[in-house]
Protein backbone atom coordinates (compact mmCIF):
# COMPACT_ATOMS: atom_id res chain seq x y z
CA MET A 1 70.70 -75.94 -145.76
CA LYS A 2 67.56 -77.31 -146.04
CA THR A 3 68.23 -79.28 -143.25
CA ARG A 4 68.80 -76.25 -140.96
CA THR A 5 65.57 -74.63 -142.55
CA LEU A 6 63.45 -77.35 -141.58
CA ARG A 7 64.66 -77.15 -138.20
CA ASN A 8 63.92 -73.65 -137.61
CA VAL A 9 60.39 -74.07 -139.02
CA VAL A 10 59.05 -76.87 -136.75
CA ALA A 11 61.11 -74.86 -133.76
CA LEU A 12 58.96 -71.81 -134.74
CA GLY A 13 55.68 -74.00 -135.13
CA ILE A 14 56.38 -75.40 -131.51
CA VAL A 15 56.94 -71.76 -129.94
CA GLY A 16 53.54 -70.94 -132.09
CA ALA A 17 51.81 -73.17 -130.40
CA ALA A 18 53.02 -72.58 -126.76
CA ILE A 19 52.04 -69.16 -126.96
CA PRO A 20 48.23 -69.88 -127.18
CA MET A 21 48.64 -72.60 -123.88
CA VAL A 22 50.77 -69.56 -121.87
CA ALA A 23 47.75 -67.17 -122.36
CA LEU A 24 45.32 -69.70 -121.79
CA GLY A 25 47.03 -70.44 -118.35
CA ARG A 26 47.48 -66.73 -117.36
CA ARG A 27 43.81 -66.33 -118.33
CA ASN A 28 42.84 -69.22 -116.05
CA ASP A 29 45.12 -67.99 -113.06
CA ALA A 30 43.49 -64.51 -113.57
CA ARG A 31 39.74 -66.07 -113.56
CA ARG A 32 40.64 -68.25 -110.39
CA ARG A 33 41.87 -64.84 -108.56
CA ALA A 34 38.98 -63.17 -109.27
CA ASP A 35 36.61 -65.91 -108.18
CA THR A 36 38.68 -65.89 -104.66
CA LEU A 37 38.54 -61.98 -104.37
CA HIS A 38 34.79 -62.25 -105.40
CA ALA A 39 34.31 -65.04 -102.53
CA SER A 40 36.10 -63.18 -100.10
CA VAL A 41 33.90 -59.71 -100.64
CA THR A 42 30.90 -61.96 -100.58
CA MET A 43 31.89 -63.54 -96.82
CA ALA A 44 32.64 -60.07 -95.71
CA GLN A 45 29.32 -58.52 -96.98
CA THR A 46 27.75 -61.40 -95.36
CA SER A 47 29.46 -61.25 -92.12
CA LEU A 48 28.90 -57.51 -92.07
CA ALA A 49 25.36 -58.20 -92.58
CA VAL A 50 24.99 -60.73 -89.52
CA ARG A 51 27.12 -58.99 -86.94
CA PRO A 52 24.78 -56.48 -84.93
CA PRO A 53 25.96 -52.86 -84.62
CA GLU A 54 28.31 -51.94 -81.50
CA PRO A 55 26.22 -50.84 -78.47
CA SER A 56 26.75 -47.03 -78.23
CA ILE A 57 28.19 -45.43 -75.22
CA ILE A 58 25.40 -43.75 -73.07
CA THR A 59 26.48 -39.97 -72.93
CA GLY A 60 23.04 -38.22 -72.20
CA VAL A 61 19.27 -38.73 -71.08
CA VAL A 62 17.84 -41.93 -71.95
CA ALA A 63 14.27 -40.96 -72.73
CA GLY A 64 11.41 -42.44 -70.47
CA PHE A 65 14.34 -43.32 -67.95
CA ASN A 66 13.56 -43.04 -64.30
CA PRO A 67 15.99 -44.75 -61.55
CA ALA A 68 13.36 -44.36 -58.97
CA ALA A 69 11.53 -46.79 -60.70
CA SER A 70 14.14 -49.87 -60.42
CA ARG A 71 13.14 -53.36 -59.23
CA LEU A 72 15.20 -56.24 -58.12
CA GLY A 73 14.92 -58.57 -61.15
CA PRO A 74 15.09 -62.53 -61.64
CA ASP A 75 18.87 -62.29 -62.54
CA GLY A 76 19.43 -60.21 -59.07
CA ARG A 77 20.23 -57.22 -60.67
CA TYR A 78 17.76 -53.99 -60.25
CA GLY A 79 16.25 -52.58 -63.33
CA VAL A 80 13.85 -50.52 -65.02
CA GLN A 81 11.34 -51.64 -67.67
CA LEU A 82 11.18 -48.97 -70.70
CA ALA A 83 8.66 -48.17 -73.21
CA ASP A 84 8.71 -50.36 -76.28
CA GLY A 85 9.97 -53.32 -74.53
CA ARG A 86 13.70 -51.81 -73.72
CA ARG A 87 14.84 -52.52 -69.95
CA ALA A 88 17.48 -50.84 -68.34
CA THR A 89 19.98 -53.03 -66.48
CA LEU A 90 21.25 -50.57 -63.25
CA THR A 91 24.92 -50.50 -61.95
CA LEU A 92 23.64 -50.83 -58.25
CA ASP A 93 25.28 -53.13 -55.89
CA PRO A 94 22.30 -55.20 -55.08
CA ALA A 95 22.99 -56.11 -51.18
CA TRP A 96 23.88 -52.22 -50.72
CA GLN A 97 20.78 -51.20 -52.42
CA ARG A 98 18.45 -53.64 -50.90
CA GLY A 99 20.16 -53.00 -47.30
CA THR A 100 19.67 -48.83 -47.99
CA VAL A 101 15.86 -49.33 -48.88
CA ASN A 102 15.20 -51.69 -46.28
CA LEU A 103 16.99 -49.27 -43.66
CA LEU A 104 14.80 -45.99 -45.01
CA ALA A 105 11.63 -48.17 -45.02
CA ARG A 106 11.79 -49.03 -40.99
CA SER A 107 13.38 -45.74 -40.18
CA GLY A 108 9.97 -43.60 -40.20
CA ILE A 109 11.83 -40.90 -41.49
CA PRO A 110 9.46 -38.29 -43.49
CA MET A 111 11.98 -37.54 -46.33
CA ALA A 112 15.78 -38.97 -47.07
CA SER A 113 17.74 -39.45 -50.16
CA VAL A 114 20.88 -41.42 -50.48
CA VAL A 115 23.06 -41.58 -53.51
CA VAL A 116 26.73 -43.46 -53.15
CA LEU A 117 29.18 -43.60 -56.00
CA ASP A 118 31.92 -45.44 -56.64
CA THR A 119 34.43 -42.51 -56.34
CA VAL A 120 36.79 -43.09 -59.38
CA THR A 121 34.24 -44.26 -61.95
CA GLY A 122 31.17 -42.38 -61.11
CA LYS A 123 29.08 -45.41 -61.27
CA VAL A 124 26.19 -45.36 -58.94
CA LEU A 125 25.87 -48.17 -56.41
CA VAL A 126 22.97 -46.90 -54.08
CA TYR A 127 20.61 -44.61 -55.19
CA ALA A 128 17.31 -44.71 -52.56
CA SER A 129 14.78 -42.44 -51.33
CA THR A 130 11.62 -42.13 -48.96
CA GLY A 131 9.12 -39.77 -48.92
CA ALA A 132 7.70 -37.06 -51.45
CA ALA A 133 5.84 -39.34 -53.34
CA GLY A 134 6.08 -38.72 -57.12
CA THR A 135 9.22 -36.98 -56.48
CA ASP A 136 12.68 -38.60 -57.23
CA LEU A 137 14.49 -36.92 -54.46
CA ALA A 138 17.76 -38.04 -55.42
CA ARG A 139 17.60 -35.93 -58.75
CA ALA A 140 15.74 -33.00 -57.14
CA ALA A 141 17.44 -29.92 -56.02
CA ASP A 142 14.37 -28.27 -53.46
CA ALA A 143 16.57 -28.61 -50.52
CA PRO A 144 18.27 -25.75 -49.34
CA ALA A 145 22.31 -26.65 -49.72
CA ALA A 146 22.69 -25.37 -46.40
CA SER A 147 26.60 -25.42 -44.79
CA VAL A 148 27.44 -27.59 -47.58
CA PHE A 149 27.46 -24.45 -49.93
CA LYS A 150 30.81 -23.69 -47.62
CA VAL A 151 32.53 -26.26 -49.87
CA VAL A 152 32.07 -23.46 -52.69
CA THR A 153 32.94 -20.54 -50.53
CA GLY A 154 35.93 -22.34 -48.75
CA SER A 155 37.38 -23.68 -52.40
CA ALA A 156 37.16 -19.83 -53.52
CA LEU A 157 38.78 -18.52 -50.39
CA LEU A 158 41.41 -20.82 -50.97
CA ALA A 159 41.83 -20.03 -54.57
CA GLY A 160 41.68 -16.01 -53.45
CA GLY A 161 44.80 -16.63 -51.61
CA LEU A 162 43.77 -17.35 -47.96
CA ALA A 163 46.49 -19.68 -46.43
CA ALA A 164 44.90 -22.99 -45.19
CA ASP A 165 46.92 -21.98 -41.76
CA ALA A 166 45.77 -18.64 -41.54
CA THR A 167 43.50 -17.78 -38.48
CA THR A 168 40.26 -16.25 -38.18
CA CYS A 169 39.22 -14.93 -34.58
CA PHE A 170 35.23 -14.77 -34.45
CA SER A 171 32.35 -14.73 -32.00
CA GLY A 172 28.68 -15.29 -32.50
CA GLY A 173 26.68 -16.55 -35.64
CA PHE A 174 26.25 -20.06 -34.78
CA HIS A 175 22.77 -20.47 -35.49
CA ARG A 176 22.20 -16.84 -37.23
CA LEU A 177 24.09 -14.16 -38.75
CA THR A 178 23.22 -10.37 -37.96
CA GLU A 179 25.36 -7.27 -38.95
CA ARG A 180 26.99 -7.42 -35.37
CA ASP A 181 28.49 -10.73 -36.26
CA LEU A 182 30.23 -9.48 -39.10
CA VAL A 183 32.26 -6.69 -37.52
CA ALA A 184 35.51 -8.09 -36.17
CA ASP A 185 35.59 -6.82 -32.21
CA PRO A 186 38.54 -8.22 -30.03
CA ALA A 187 37.10 -7.71 -27.00
CA ARG A 188 34.29 -10.52 -28.09
CA ASP A 189 36.17 -12.62 -30.71
CA ARG A 190 38.49 -14.98 -28.26
CA GLU A 191 38.88 -18.16 -30.31
CA CYS A 192 40.74 -18.31 -33.67
CA VAL A 193 40.50 -21.02 -36.14
CA THR A 194 42.06 -21.61 -39.23
CA LEU A 195 39.98 -22.05 -42.19
CA PRO A 196 40.14 -26.18 -42.15
CA ASP A 197 38.85 -25.68 -38.36
CA ALA A 198 36.17 -23.76 -39.11
CA PHE A 199 34.80 -26.06 -41.79
CA ALA A 200 34.68 -28.82 -39.62
CA ARG A 201 32.91 -27.17 -36.97
CA SER A 202 31.09 -25.53 -39.54
CA ILE A 203 31.45 -22.05 -38.23
CA ASN A 204 29.20 -19.47 -40.00
CA THR A 205 30.82 -16.33 -38.75
CA VAL A 206 34.45 -17.09 -40.07
CA PHE A 207 32.99 -17.88 -43.79
CA ALA A 208 30.89 -14.58 -43.46
CA ARG A 209 33.67 -12.40 -42.43
CA ARG A 210 36.73 -13.53 -44.66
CA ALA A 211 34.03 -13.70 -47.66
CA LEU A 212 33.46 -9.94 -47.13
CA GLU A 213 36.99 -9.36 -46.73
CA LEU A 214 38.42 -11.50 -49.55
CA LEU A 215 35.62 -12.02 -51.95
CA ARG A 216 33.34 -10.46 -54.62
CA PRO A 217 29.99 -12.08 -55.29
CA GLU A 218 30.98 -12.46 -59.12
CA ALA A 219 33.92 -14.86 -57.55
CA GLU A 220 31.57 -16.27 -55.16
CA ALA A 221 29.22 -17.29 -58.23
CA GLU A 222 31.89 -18.22 -60.39
CA ALA A 223 33.16 -20.78 -57.83
CA ALA A 224 29.60 -22.35 -57.52
CA ARG A 225 29.24 -22.89 -61.50
CA ARG A 226 32.69 -24.44 -61.57
CA TRP A 227 31.33 -26.70 -58.95
CA GLY A 228 27.99 -27.51 -61.25
CA PHE A 229 25.63 -25.17 -59.55
CA GLY A 230 23.19 -23.50 -61.90
CA GLU A 231 23.21 -26.15 -64.51
CA PRO A 232 21.76 -29.32 -65.45
CA LEU A 233 24.17 -32.39 -64.38
CA PRO A 234 24.83 -35.13 -66.78
CA PHE A 235 23.06 -38.31 -65.96
CA ASP A 236 21.23 -41.25 -67.62
CA ALA A 237 17.90 -39.40 -66.29
CA ALA A 238 17.16 -35.48 -66.17
CA VAL A 239 18.56 -33.73 -63.00
CA SER A 240 17.09 -30.58 -61.53
CA PRO A 241 19.63 -27.62 -61.58
CA SER A 242 21.02 -26.97 -57.88
CA THR A 243 20.35 -23.18 -57.91
CA PHE A 244 22.32 -20.21 -56.06
CA THR A 245 21.89 -16.52 -56.04
CA ILE A 246 24.47 -14.42 -54.88
CA PRO A 247 23.06 -11.03 -53.15
CA GLU A 248 25.35 -7.62 -53.61
CA ASP A 249 24.37 -6.59 -50.20
CA ASN A 250 27.12 -7.07 -47.33
CA LEU A 251 24.82 -9.10 -44.93
CA GLY A 252 22.95 -11.07 -47.75
CA PHE A 253 26.34 -12.00 -49.24
CA ALA A 254 27.76 -13.11 -45.98
CA ARG A 255 24.93 -15.25 -45.09
CA THR A 256 25.00 -17.14 -48.83
CA ALA A 257 28.50 -17.72 -48.37
CA ALA A 258 27.85 -19.20 -44.68
CA GLY A 259 25.17 -21.32 -46.35
CA PHE A 260 22.11 -19.60 -44.99
CA TRP A 261 19.85 -20.15 -47.83
CA ASN A 262 20.16 -18.77 -51.13
CA SER A 263 21.18 -22.19 -52.50
CA THR A 264 19.63 -25.55 -53.44
CA LEU A 265 21.04 -28.77 -53.86
CA SER A 266 20.30 -32.37 -55.14
CA PRO A 267 21.91 -35.58 -53.15
CA LEU A 268 23.26 -36.63 -56.54
CA HIS A 269 24.75 -33.10 -56.86
CA GLY A 270 25.94 -33.69 -53.11
CA ALA A 271 27.81 -36.56 -53.90
CA LEU A 272 29.52 -35.22 -56.59
CA LEU A 273 30.66 -32.28 -54.74
CA ALA A 274 32.49 -35.11 -52.25
CA GLN A 275 33.93 -36.69 -55.19
CA GLY A 276 35.40 -33.74 -56.48
CA VAL A 277 36.97 -33.31 -53.54
CA ALA A 278 38.35 -36.86 -53.10
CA LEU A 279 39.68 -36.80 -57.14
CA ASP A 280 41.75 -34.07 -56.59
CA GLY A 281 39.11 -31.09 -57.85
CA GLU A 282 38.06 -33.80 -60.68
CA MET A 283 34.64 -34.96 -61.35
CA THR A 284 33.04 -37.40 -63.57
CA ARG A 285 29.85 -37.72 -65.02
CA PRO A 286 27.59 -39.87 -62.59
CA TRP A 287 26.23 -43.13 -64.41
CA ILE A 288 23.66 -45.72 -63.50
CA ILE A 289 22.63 -47.75 -66.55
CA GLU A 290 24.83 -50.91 -67.01
CA THR A 291 23.49 -51.91 -70.21
CA LEU A 292 20.61 -51.03 -72.08
CA ARG A 293 18.76 -53.76 -74.18
CA ASN A 294 15.71 -53.42 -77.03
CA ALA A 295 12.86 -55.43 -76.94
CA ARG A 296 14.76 -58.72 -78.29
CA GLY A 297 16.90 -58.76 -75.75
CA ALA A 298 20.35 -57.47 -77.61
CA VAL A 299 22.28 -54.72 -75.99
CA ILE A 300 22.03 -51.42 -77.69
CA ALA A 301 23.83 -49.02 -75.40
CA ARG A 302 26.28 -49.11 -72.36
CA GLY A 303 27.45 -46.91 -69.41
CA ALA A 304 30.83 -46.03 -68.80
CA GLN A 305 33.20 -43.94 -67.09
CA ARG A 306 33.66 -40.59 -68.37
CA PRO A 307 35.25 -37.19 -67.64
CA TRP A 308 33.06 -34.23 -66.63
CA ARG A 309 35.06 -31.15 -65.36
CA ARG A 310 37.36 -29.76 -63.28
CA ALA A 311 36.26 -27.82 -60.24
CA VAL A 312 39.20 -26.85 -58.20
CA SER A 313 43.17 -27.09 -58.28
CA PRO A 314 44.79 -30.23 -56.71
CA GLU A 315 46.08 -27.88 -54.15
CA VAL A 316 42.84 -26.38 -52.99
CA ALA A 317 41.28 -29.98 -53.05
CA ALA A 318 43.71 -31.10 -51.06
CA VAL A 319 43.32 -28.67 -48.44
CA LEU A 320 39.35 -29.72 -48.47
CA GLN A 321 40.22 -33.29 -48.15
CA ARG A 322 41.76 -32.57 -44.85
CA ALA A 323 38.94 -30.20 -43.48
CA MET A 324 36.54 -33.10 -44.44
CA LEU A 325 38.17 -35.75 -42.30
CA ARG A 326 38.36 -32.85 -39.42
CA THR A 327 34.58 -33.37 -39.73
CA VAL A 328 34.62 -36.73 -38.75
CA THR A 329 37.25 -36.77 -36.53
CA ASP A 330 36.57 -33.89 -34.10
CA GLY A 331 33.92 -31.64 -36.21
CA THR A 332 29.84 -31.73 -36.64
CA GLY A 333 30.22 -35.38 -37.74
CA PHE A 334 31.78 -36.52 -34.61
CA HIS A 335 28.68 -38.12 -32.96
CA ALA A 336 27.36 -39.79 -35.77
CA PHE A 337 30.57 -41.89 -36.46
CA HIS A 338 31.49 -42.69 -32.83
CA ASP A 339 30.05 -44.77 -30.31
CA PRO A 340 28.91 -43.20 -26.68
CA ALA A 341 32.72 -44.25 -25.67
CA GLY A 342 34.35 -42.21 -28.35
CA ARG A 343 35.14 -45.56 -30.21
CA LEU A 344 34.90 -45.46 -34.14
CA TYR A 345 31.78 -47.52 -35.71
CA LEU A 346 34.32 -47.71 -38.91
CA ASP A 347 37.54 -48.42 -37.36
CA ASP A 348 38.99 -49.55 -40.53
CA VAL A 349 37.50 -47.00 -43.07
CA THR A 350 38.70 -43.29 -43.41
CA VAL A 351 35.55 -41.27 -43.99
CA GLY A 352 35.65 -37.51 -44.14
CA GLY A 353 32.39 -35.12 -45.06
CA LYS A 354 30.51 -32.03 -44.97
CA THR A 355 27.51 -31.67 -42.82
CA GLY A 356 24.51 -28.99 -43.37
CA THR A 357 21.53 -28.21 -41.43
CA LEU A 358 18.78 -25.92 -41.98
CA THR A 359 15.15 -25.31 -40.87
CA GLN A 360 12.07 -24.08 -42.96
CA ASP A 361 8.38 -23.32 -41.94
CA ALA A 362 5.42 -23.83 -43.53
CA PRO A 363 5.53 -26.81 -43.74
CA TYR A 364 8.26 -27.28 -41.04
CA THR A 365 11.14 -29.47 -41.90
CA ALA A 366 14.62 -29.69 -40.71
CA TYR A 367 16.95 -30.52 -43.59
CA THR A 368 20.40 -32.25 -42.64
CA TRP A 369 23.02 -32.96 -44.75
CA LEU A 370 26.18 -35.31 -44.96
CA VAL A 371 28.26 -35.14 -48.35
CA GLY A 372 31.73 -37.16 -48.05
CA ASN A 373 33.63 -39.76 -49.26
CA ALA A 374 34.75 -43.17 -47.42
CA GLN A 375 37.34 -45.76 -48.32
CA ASN A 376 39.55 -48.90 -47.07
CA ALA A 377 41.58 -51.19 -49.17
CA GLU A 378 38.51 -52.54 -51.20
CA HIS A 379 36.48 -49.66 -51.83
CA ARG A 380 36.53 -45.91 -52.46
CA LEU A 381 32.88 -44.07 -52.08
CA SER A 382 31.31 -40.79 -52.41
CA PHE A 383 28.13 -40.28 -51.20
CA GLY A 384 25.10 -37.89 -50.87
CA VAL A 385 22.75 -38.20 -47.88
CA LEU A 386 19.91 -35.64 -47.16
CA VAL A 387 17.25 -36.03 -44.34
CA GLY A 388 14.27 -34.07 -43.92
CA ASN A 389 12.65 -34.17 -40.25
CA GLY A 390 9.69 -32.83 -39.08
CA PRO A 391 8.51 -31.33 -35.64
CA VAL A 392 9.86 -34.58 -34.32
CA TRP A 393 13.07 -35.73 -35.20
CA ARG A 394 14.13 -39.17 -36.32
CA ILE A 395 17.62 -39.17 -37.43
CA LYS A 396 20.32 -36.92 -38.66
CA ALA A 397 21.69 -37.35 -42.17
CA ALA A 398 25.17 -37.84 -40.66
CA THR A 399 23.83 -40.98 -38.74
CA LEU A 400 21.78 -42.20 -41.58
CA ALA A 401 25.34 -41.92 -43.47
CA ARG A 402 26.98 -44.06 -41.37
CA GLN A 403 24.55 -46.44 -41.35
CA VAL A 404 24.34 -46.90 -44.89
CA LEU A 405 28.42 -47.10 -44.71
CA GLN A 406 28.17 -49.74 -42.11
CA ILE A 407 25.88 -51.74 -44.79
CA ALA A 408 28.55 -51.38 -47.44
CA PHE A 409 31.49 -51.98 -45.50
CA ARG A 410 30.41 -54.58 -42.94
CA GLY A 411 27.11 -55.81 -44.33
CA HIS A 412 24.52 -54.27 -41.77
CA ALA A 413 23.87 -51.02 -39.85
CA THR A 414 23.53 -50.52 -35.74
CA ASP A 415 21.46 -48.10 -34.54
């Protein structure tokens, strides 16, 4: 009995001694885990403190930025030096930009502006102007939209129910529109065309008569707004809004629908109109800043592809696409894109567009436009080209556009 009791006492002593040891081990394990956690948190905090913030995406106007002030840098890229040591590196294609600038310099054109976009992304690849010192012509909506406004009227007519293959018989109205031109007369109206035909040949009477028949001024105004008229365009620098006024009287309304005054356009906006046609009615935000760096050289913001708006349905855009192609194949842009023998200058490139011509006095300025799209297996481009000639014409916008496309697709332009 005494032996058993002694054994129990010894056992209890051993267990009692083990309990503090186990507790001490547990405390040590907890301390090690705490130390490890503290070290991890400290490392994470240190890492966060050292790592620079992610560059933001440019979505609005960059203060102090003027894309017309771009210069070719030692890195072979075009850029603009900003206040506080910031520098914007641009999306411009160096060879295309340099070629276009040189083309404008030797052309002797009093006033011209060229904007070329990557159709899908909205990235600006060419941005060049000449004349009008102190004004960035690419962003200025001072020139009349002229017959380019037929993009607006054409889309409104198609959306309003005019069939693409419906014919309109017409006469007169090639250089001006009068009340007489608005009245159908079977004895005079000997030629009949579809809307794509009228678009390609820029037949004013067809657009005027169909607008009076099928549209109200508010419908025309709504179509203009959907294409971005009447509001600032989204861009890295401020852009003057392209303007429009829709008169209520028949003759004023008809003239506006055909492109006789009452609307203005910037070359950048012209490129976006063409892009919207090419992208089945969608328009993206144009962007020209690739990276924006601070005075220390760190990237603080980047440009990126961003959607903007839908202008028209894919069905309407498809008809406008075909009409634009007709402008080059057998319309008002034919001679600019074909040599005297009728051969295409760019035989492996699909080109379509819309021309515009309108002359103002005091001072005399003959405005011509070509907005359009061009693509081959490698590139898909949208462009807006404006030329303002004096009494002696140097070149039309369609010819200048072809030369710019030759630089892009061929590496050099021909006369």
